[in-house]
Amino acid sequence: MIINKTVHLEKIKTLRKNAKVSLNEMALILGYESPNGYYYLESGRVKFPADKLAIIANHFNVTIDELFFENRFTELVK
């Protein structure tokens, strides 16, 4: 497991898209009034607050660790 110091924005985006959840729906889930608030998080324009990460992890049924860590066992073996 490799530690990435930032949230995996691409992973969050992929989770959202695979679940067919729109930017607007994510904004509402996280308590934003418009999709822009969520878009700024997902695009990396602003940092994710811890409470929002917990909501995302819960919504997509993943652990918060999965949003920070990625499994790259093949790279470790090289």
PDB file of N, CA and C in Angstrom:
ATOM      1  N   MET A   1       0.846  -1.176   0.000  1.00  0.00           N
ATOM      2  CA  MET A   1       0.000   0.000   0.000  1.00  0.00           C
ATOM      3  C   MET A   1       0.886   1.232   0.000  1.00  0.00           C
ATOM      4  N   ILE A   2       0.636   2.141  -0.899  1.00  0.00           N
ATOM      5  CA  ILE A   2       1.432   3.353  -1.002  1.00  0.00           C
ATOM      6  C   ILE A   2       0.624   4.521  -0.448  1.00  0.00           C
ATOM      7  N   ILE A   3       1.265   5.328   0.366  1.00  0.00           N
ATOM      8  CA  ILE A   3       0.581   6.479   0.957  1.00  0.00           C
ATOM      9  C   ILE A   3       0.638   7.643  -0.010  1.00  0.00           C
ATOM     10  N   ASN A   4      -0.508   8.222  -0.254  1.00  0.00           N
ATOM     11  CA  ASN A   4      -0.588   9.440  -1.048  1.00  0.00           C
ATOM     12  C   ASN A   4      -1.056  10.515  -0.081  1.00  0.00           C
ATOM     13  N   LYS A   5      -0.322  11.596   0.045  1.00  0.00           N
ATOM     14  CA  LYS A   5      -0.622  12.612   1.047  1.00  0.00           C
ATOM     15  C   LYS A   5      -1.896  13.386   0.749  1.00  0.00           C
ATOM     16  N   THR A   6      -2.384  13.289  -0.449  1.00  0.00           N
ATOM     17  CA  THR A   6      -3.610  13.992  -0.783  1.00  0.00           C
ATOM     18  C   THR A   6      -4.730  12.998  -1.035  1.00  0.00           C
ATOM     19  N   VAL A   7      -5.908  13.502  -0.990  1.00  0.00           N
ATOM     20  CA  VAL A   7      -7.076  12.684  -1.299  1.00  0.00           C
ATOM     21  C   VAL A   7      -7.001  12.304  -2.771  1.00  0.00           C
ATOM     22  N   HIS A   8      -7.381  11.112  -3.071  1.00  0.00           N
ATOM     23  CA  HIS A   8      -7.405  10.659  -4.453  1.00  0.00           C
ATOM     24  C   HIS A   8      -8.617  11.251  -5.150  1.00  0.00           C
ATOM     25  N   LEU A   9      -8.456  12.420  -5.713  1.00  0.00           N
ATOM     26  CA  LEU A   9      -9.568  13.094  -6.369  1.00  0.00           C
ATOM     27  C   LEU A   9     -10.098  12.276  -7.533  1.00  0.00           C
ATOM     28  N   GLU A  10      -9.205  11.654  -8.262  1.00  0.00           N
ATOM     29  CA  GLU A  10      -9.628  10.848  -9.406  1.00  0.00           C
ATOM     30  C   GLU A  10     -10.436   9.637  -8.937  1.00  0.00           C
ATOM     31  N   LYS A  11     -10.058   9.079  -7.805  1.00  0.00           N
ATOM     32  CA  LYS A  11     -10.791   7.932  -7.260  1.00  0.00           C
ATOM     33  C   LYS A  11     -12.203   8.355  -6.866  1.00  0.00           C
ATOM     34  N   ILE A  12     -12.322   9.508  -6.240  1.00  0.00           N
ATOM     35  CA  ILE A  12     -13.638  10.005  -5.841  1.00  0.00           C
ATOM     36  C   ILE A  12     -14.495  10.277  -7.071  1.00  0.00           C
ATOM     37  N   LYS A  13     -13.895  10.869  -8.069  1.00  0.00           N
ATOM     38  CA  LYS A  13     -14.616  11.155  -9.312  1.00  0.00           C
ATOM     39  C   LYS A  13     -15.091   9.856  -9.974  1.00  0.00           C
ATOM     40  N   THR A  14     -14.221   8.853  -9.981  1.00  0.00           N
ATOM     41  CA  THR A  14     -14.574   7.563 -10.568  1.00  0.00           C
ATOM     42  C   THR A  14     -15.703   6.896  -9.790  1.00  0.00           C
ATOM     43  N   LEU A  15     -15.625   6.932  -8.469  1.00  0.00           N
ATOM     44  CA  LEU A  15     -16.709   6.376  -7.651  1.00  0.00           C
ATOM     45  C   LEU A  15     -18.032   7.046  -7.984  1.00  0.00           C
ATOM     46  N   ARG A  16     -17.995   8.362  -8.087  1.00  0.00           N
ATOM     47  CA  ARG A  16     -19.213   9.119  -8.383  1.00  0.00           C
ATOM     48  C   ARG A  16     -19.767   8.749  -9.751  1.00  0.00           C
ATOM     49  N   LYS A  17     -18.887   8.733 -10.750  1.00  0.00           N
ATOM     50  CA  LYS A  17     -19.343   8.439 -12.113  1.00  0.00           C
ATOM     51  C   LYS A  17     -19.839   7.002 -12.250  1.00  0.00           C
ATOM     52  N   ASN A  18     -19.134   6.057 -11.628  1.00  0.00           N
ATOM     53  CA  ASN A  18     -19.565   4.660 -11.694  1.00  0.00           C
ATOM     54  C   ASN A  18     -20.930   4.454 -11.056  1.00  0.00           C
ATOM     55  N   ALA A  19     -21.229   5.254 -10.053  1.00  0.00           N
ATOM     56  CA  ALA A  19     -22.529   5.174  -9.386  1.00  0.00           C
ATOM     57  C   ALA A  19     -23.581   6.026 -10.095  1.00  0.00           C
ATOM     58  N   LYS A  20     -23.164   6.671 -11.186  1.00  0.00           N
ATOM     59  CA  LYS A  20     -24.054   7.536 -11.966  1.00  0.00           C
ATOM     60  C   LYS A  20     -24.694   8.638 -11.109  1.00  0.00           C
ATOM     61  N   VAL A  21     -23.822   9.253 -10.290  1.00  0.00           N
ATOM     62  CA  VAL A  21     -24.236  10.364  -9.437  1.00  0.00           C
ATOM     63  C   VAL A  21     -23.708  11.644 -10.075  1.00  0.00           C
ATOM     64  N   SER A  22     -24.599  12.593 -10.304  1.00  0.00           N
ATOM     65  CA  SER A  22     -24.210  13.848 -10.945  1.00  0.00           C
ATOM     66  C   SER A  22     -23.503  14.771  -9.951  1.00  0.00           C
ATOM     67  N   LEU A  23     -22.862  15.796 -10.495  1.00  0.00           N
ATOM     68  CA  LEU A  23     -22.239  16.817  -9.636  1.00  0.00           C
ATOM     69  C   LEU A  23     -23.289  17.458  -8.744  1.00  0.00           C
ATOM     70  N   ASN A  24     -24.457  17.709  -9.303  1.00  0.00           N
ATOM     71  CA  ASN A  24     -25.530  18.333  -8.534  1.00  0.00           C
ATOM     72  C   ASN A  24     -25.979  17.430  -7.384  1.00  0.00           C
ATOM     73  N   GLU A  25     -26.123  16.129  -7.652  1.00  0.00           N
ATOM     74  CA  GLU A  25     -26.515  15.195  -6.596  1.00  0.00           C
ATOM     75  C   GLU A  25     -25.462  15.145  -5.491  1.00  0.00           C
ATOM     76  N   MET A  26     -24.177  15.111  -5.874  1.00  0.00           N
ATOM     77  CA  MET A  26     -23.118  15.103  -4.859  1.00  0.00           C
ATOM     78  C   MET A  26     -23.136  16.379  -4.035  1.00  0.00           C
ATOM     79  N   ALA A  27     -23.383  17.481  -4.709  1.00  0.00           N
ATOM     80  CA  ALA A  27     -23.468  18.757  -3.988  1.00  0.00           C
ATOM     81  C   ALA A  27     -24.567  18.697  -2.934  1.00  0.00           C
ATOM     82  N   LEU A  28     -25.713  18.164  -3.300  1.00  0.00           N
ATOM     83  CA  LEU A  28     -26.829  18.059  -2.355  1.00  0.00           C
ATOM     84  C   LEU A  28     -26.503  17.094  -1.215  1.00  0.00           C
ATOM     85  N   ILE A  29     -25.871  15.974  -1.534  1.00  0.00           N
ATOM     86  CA  ILE A  29     -25.483  14.990  -0.510  1.00  0.00           C
ATOM     87  C   ILE A  29     -24.553  15.626   0.518  1.00  0.00           C
ATOM     88  N   LEU A  30     -23.662  16.497   0.041  1.00  0.00           N
ATOM     89  CA  LEU A  30     -22.687  17.131   0.938  1.00  0.00           C
ATOM     90  C   LEU A  30     -23.176  18.442   1.541  1.00  0.00           C
ATOM     91  N   GLY A  31     -24.388  18.853   1.174  1.00  0.00           N
ATOM     92  CA  GLY A  31     -24.965  20.042   1.780  1.00  0.00           C
ATOM     93  C   GLY A  31     -24.660  21.351   1.081  1.00  0.00           C
ATOM     94  N   TYR A  32     -24.197  21.271  -0.163  1.00  0.00           N
ATOM     95  CA  TYR A  32     -23.942  22.494  -0.925  1.00  0.00           C
ATOM     96  C   TYR A  32     -25.208  22.905  -1.666  1.00  0.00           C
ATOM     97  N   GLU A  33     -25.359  24.186  -1.890  1.00  0.00           N
ATOM     98  CA  GLU A  33     -26.538  24.691  -2.585  1.00  0.00           C
ATOM     99  C   GLU A  33     -26.428  24.594  -4.101  1.00  0.00           C
ATOM    100  N   SER A  34     -25.196  24.535  -4.595  1.00  0.00           N
ATOM    101  CA  SER A  34     -25.005  24.434  -6.038  1.00  0.00           C
ATOM    102  C   SER A  34     -23.920  23.404  -6.328  1.00  0.00           C
ATOM    103  N   PRO A  35     -23.879  22.895  -7.555  1.00  0.00           N
ATOM    104  CA  PRO A  35     -22.849  21.917  -7.901  1.00  0.00           C
ATOM    105  C   PRO A  35     -21.435  22.495  -7.889  1.00  0.00           C
ATOM    106  N   ASN A  36     -21.313  23.809  -7.989  1.00  0.00           N
ATOM    107  CA  ASN A  36     -19.986  24.427  -7.989  1.00  0.00           C
ATOM    108  C   ASN A  36     -19.200  24.114  -6.724  1.00  0.00           C
ATOM    109  N   GLY A  37     -19.871  24.126  -5.581  1.00  0.00           N
ATOM    110  CA  GLY A  37     -19.190  23.828  -4.314  1.00  0.00           C
ATOM    111  C   GLY A  37     -18.540  22.464  -4.343  1.00  0.00           C
ATOM    112  N   TYR A  38     -19.262  21.483  -4.856  1.00  0.00           N
ATOM    113  CA  TYR A  38     -18.698  20.141  -4.931  1.00  0.00           C
ATOM    114  C   TYR A  38     -17.643  20.059  -6.028  1.00  0.00           C
ATOM    115  N   TYR A  39     -17.901  20.682  -7.164  1.00  0.00           N
ATOM    116  CA  TYR A  39     -16.951  20.643  -8.276  1.00  0.00           C
ATOM    117  C   TYR A  39     -15.582  21.167  -7.842  1.00  0.00           C
ATOM    118  N   TYR A  40     -15.575  22.228  -7.046  1.00  0.00           N
ATOM    119  CA  TYR A  40     -14.303  22.789  -6.579  1.00  0.00           C
ATOM    120  C   TYR A  40     -13.525  21.774  -5.743  1.00  0.00           C
ATOM    121  N   LEU A  41     -14.242  20.943  -4.961  1.00  0.00           N
ATOM    122  CA  LEU A  41     -13.577  19.904  -4.182  1.00  0.00           C
ATOM    123  C   LEU A  41     -13.003  18.831  -5.091  1.00  0.00           C
ATOM    124  N   GLU A  42     -13.848  18.313  -5.974  1.00  0.00           N
ATOM    125  CA  GLU A  42     -13.446  17.201  -6.835  1.00  0.00           C
ATOM    126  C   GLU A  42     -12.339  17.588  -7.815  1.00  0.00           C
ATOM    127  N   SER A  43     -12.304  18.837  -8.196  1.00  0.00           N
ATOM    128  CA  SER A  43     -11.284  19.287  -9.147  1.00  0.00           C
ATOM    129  C   SER A  43      -9.978  19.678  -8.454  1.00  0.00           C
ATOM    130  N   GLY A  44      -9.980  19.721  -7.131  1.00  0.00           N
ATOM    131  CA  GLY A  44      -8.772  20.068  -6.393  1.00  0.00           C
ATOM    132  C   GLY A  44      -8.587  21.555  -6.190  1.00  0.00           C
ATOM    133  N   ARG A  45      -9.571  22.313  -6.575  1.00  0.00           N
ATOM    134  CA  ARG A  45      -9.486  23.769  -6.413  1.00  0.00           C
ATOM    135  C   ARG A  45      -9.466  24.172  -4.938  1.00  0.00           C
ATOM    136  N   VAL A  46     -10.199  23.413  -4.130  1.00  0.00           N
ATOM    137  CA  VAL A  46     -10.169  23.602  -2.672  1.00  0.00           C
ATOM    138  C   VAL A  46      -9.969  22.234  -2.026  1.00  0.00           C
ATOM    139  N   LYS A  47      -9.478  22.229  -0.805  1.00  0.00           N
ATOM    140  CA  LYS A  47      -9.220  20.972  -0.099  1.00  0.00           C
ATOM    141  C   LYS A  47     -10.518  20.402   0.471  1.00  0.00           C
ATOM    142  N   PHE A  48     -10.583  19.077   0.495  1.00  0.00           N
ATOM    143  CA  PHE A  48     -11.727  18.390   1.073  1.00  0.00           C
ATOM    144  C   PHE A  48     -11.705  18.512   2.588  1.00  0.00           C
ATOM    145  N   PRO A  49     -12.774  18.998   3.196  1.00  0.00           N
ATOM    146  CA  PRO A  49     -12.869  18.958   4.660  1.00  0.00           C
ATOM    147  C   PRO A  49     -13.087  17.509   5.113  1.00  0.00           C
ATOM    148  N   ALA A  50     -12.577  17.147   6.266  1.00  0.00           N
ATOM    149  CA  ALA A  50     -12.677  15.778   6.765  1.00  0.00           C
ATOM    150  C   ALA A  50     -14.124  15.303   6.861  1.00  0.00           C
ATOM    151  N   ASP A  51     -15.026  16.182   7.272  1.00  0.00           N
ATOM    152  CA  ASP A  51     -16.419  15.759   7.416  1.00  0.00           C
ATOM    153  C   ASP A  51     -17.039  15.411   6.064  1.00  0.00           C
ATOM    154  N   LYS A  52     -16.636  16.092   5.018  1.00  0.00           N
ATOM    155  CA  LYS A  52     -17.157  15.796   3.672  1.00  0.00           C
ATOM    156  C   LYS A  52     -16.606  14.468   3.167  1.00  0.00           C
ATOM    157  N   LEU A  53     -15.347  14.170   3.479  1.00  0.00           N
ATOM    158  CA  LEU A  53     -14.765  12.884   3.101  1.00  0.00           C
ATOM    159  C   LEU A  53     -15.494  11.735   3.779  1.00  0.00           C
ATOM    160  N   ALA A  54     -15.861  11.932   5.032  1.00  0.00           N
ATOM    161  CA  ALA A  54     -16.597  10.892   5.760  1.00  0.00           C
ATOM    162  C   ALA A  54     -17.949  10.639   5.103  1.00  0.00           C
ATOM    163  N   ILE A  55     -18.613  11.693   4.671  1.00  0.00           N
ATOM    164  CA  ILE A  55     -19.910  11.543   4.003  1.00  0.00           C
ATOM    165  C   ILE A  55     -19.744  10.798   2.684  1.00  0.00           C
ATOM    166  N   ILE A  56     -18.708  11.155   1.928  1.00  0.00           N
ATOM    167  CA  ILE A  56     -18.454  10.494   0.642  1.00  0.00           C
ATOM    168  C   ILE A  56     -18.140   9.017   0.859  1.00  0.00           C
ATOM    169  N   ALA A  57     -17.268   8.719   1.803  1.00  0.00           N
ATOM    170  CA  ALA A  57     -16.908   7.327   2.079  1.00  0.00           C
ATOM    171  C   ALA A  57     -18.152   6.531   2.461  1.00  0.00           C
ATOM    172  N   ASN A  58     -18.974   7.093   3.295  1.00  0.00           N
ATOM    173  CA  ASN A  58     -20.205   6.427   3.724  1.00  0.00           C
ATOM    174  C   ASN A  58     -21.153   6.233   2.548  1.00  0.00           C
ATOM    175  N   HIS A  59     -21.312   7.246   1.740  1.00  0.00           N
ATOM    176  CA  HIS A  59     -22.240   7.180   0.605  1.00  0.00           C
ATOM    177  C   HIS A  59     -21.833   6.099  -0.398  1.00  0.00           C
ATOM    178  N   PHE A  60     -20.539   5.975  -0.659  1.00  0.00           N
ATOM    179  CA  PHE A  60     -20.059   4.999  -1.635  1.00  0.00           C
ATOM    180  C   PHE A  60     -19.607   3.685  -0.997  1.00  0.00           C
ATOM    181  N   ASN A  61     -19.857   3.565   0.309  1.00  0.00           N
ATOM    182  CA  ASN A  61     -19.563   2.333   1.036  1.00  0.00           C
ATOM    183  C   ASN A  61     -18.088   1.917   0.907  1.00  0.00           C
ATOM    184  N   VAL A  62     -17.205   2.887   1.105  1.00  0.00           N
ATOM    185  CA  VAL A  62     -15.765   2.639   1.152  1.00  0.00           C
ATOM    186  C   VAL A  62     -15.225   3.228   2.448  1.00  0.00           C
ATOM    187  N   THR A  63     -14.022   2.840   2.804  1.00  0.00           N
ATOM    188  CA  THR A  63     -13.422   3.430   4.005  1.00  0.00           C
ATOM    189  C   THR A  63     -12.734   4.743   3.627  1.00  0.00           C
ATOM    190  N   ILE A  64     -12.539   5.570   4.603  1.00  0.00           N
ATOM    191  CA  ILE A  64     -11.824   6.824   4.354  1.00  0.00           C
ATOM    192  C   ILE A  64     -10.404   6.519   3.898  1.00  0.00           C
ATOM    193  N   ASP A  65      -9.812   5.458   4.455  1.00  0.00           N
ATOM    194  CA  ASP A  65      -8.466   5.053   4.032  1.00  0.00           C
ATOM    195  C   ASP A  65      -8.399   4.824   2.528  1.00  0.00           C
ATOM    196  N   GLU A  66      -9.444   4.242   1.967  1.00  0.00           N
ATOM    197  CA  GLU A  66      -9.454   3.969   0.531  1.00  0.00           C
ATOM    198  C   GLU A  66      -9.416   5.255  -0.296  1.00  0.00           C
ATOM    199  N   LEU A  67      -9.820   6.354   0.287  1.00  0.00           N
ATOM    200  CA  LEU A  67      -9.776   7.631  -0.416  1.00  0.00           C
ATOM    201  C   LEU A  67      -8.384   8.259  -0.356  1.00  0.00           C
ATOM    202  N   PHE A  68      -7.543   7.771   0.571  1.00  0.00           N
ATOM    203  CA  PHE A  68      -6.188   8.301   0.720  1.00  0.00           C
ATOM    204  C   PHE A  68      -5.105   7.361   0.226  1.00  0.00           C
ATOM    205  N   PHE A  69      -5.351   6.074   0.321  1.00  0.00           N
ATOM    206  CA  PHE A  69      -4.350   5.074  -0.022  1.00  0.00           C
ATOM    207  C   PHE A  69      -4.742   4.362  -1.294  1.00  0.00           C
ATOM    208  N   GLU A  70      -3.730   3.859  -1.975  1.00  0.00           N
ATOM    209  CA  GLU A  70      -4.015   3.030  -3.137  1.00  0.00           C
ATOM    210  C   GLU A  70      -3.132   1.804  -3.087  1.00  0.00           C
ATOM    211  N   ASN A  71      -3.669   0.727  -3.555  1.00  0.00           N
ATOM    212  CA  ASN A  71      -2.909  -0.517  -3.592  1.00  0.00           C
ATOM    213  C   ASN A  71      -2.111  -0.563  -4.875  1.00  0.00           C
ATOM    214  N   ARG A  72      -0.815  -0.660  -4.742  1.00  0.00           N
ATOM    215  CA  ARG A  72       0.075  -0.767  -5.901  1.00  0.00           C
ATOM    216  C   ARG A  72       1.115  -1.846  -5.625  1.00  0.00           C
ATOM    217  N   PHE A  73       0.640  -3.036  -5.380  1.00  0.00           N
ATOM    218  CA  PHE A  73       1.550  -4.109  -5.047  1.00  0.00           C
ATOM    219  C   PHE A  73       2.502  -4.429  -6.197  1.00  0.00           C
ATOM    220  N   THR A  74       2.057  -4.258  -7.423  1.00  0.00           N
ATOM    221  CA  THR A  74       2.933  -4.556  -8.559  1.00  0.00           C
ATOM    222  C   THR A  74       4.121  -3.624  -8.586  1.00  0.00           C
ATOM    223  N   GLU A  75       3.950  -2.383  -8.176  1.00  0.00           N
ATOM    224  CA  GLU A  75       5.071  -1.438  -8.141  1.00  0.00           C
ATOM    225  C   GLU A  75       6.047  -1.783  -7.015  1.00  0.00           C
ATOM    226  N   LEU A  76       5.529  -2.335  -5.932  1.00  0.00           N
ATOM    227  CA  LEU A  76       6.394  -2.681  -4.811  1.00  0.00           C
ATOM    228  C   LEU A  76       7.296  -3.867  -5.136  1.00  0.00           C
ATOM    229  N   VAL A  77       6.844  -4.735  -6.018  1.00  0.00           N
ATOM    230  CA  VAL A  77       7.586  -5.929  -6.354  1.00  0.00           C
ATOM    231  C   VAL A  77       8.746  -5.626  -7.296  1.00  0.00           C
ATOM    232  N   LYS A  78       8.639  -4.571  -8.071  1.00  0.00           N
ATOM    233  CA  LYS A  78       9.669  -4.241  -9.062  1.00  0.00           C
ATOM    234  C   LYS A  78      11.015  -3.981  -8.454  1.00  0.00           C
TER     235      LYS A  78
END
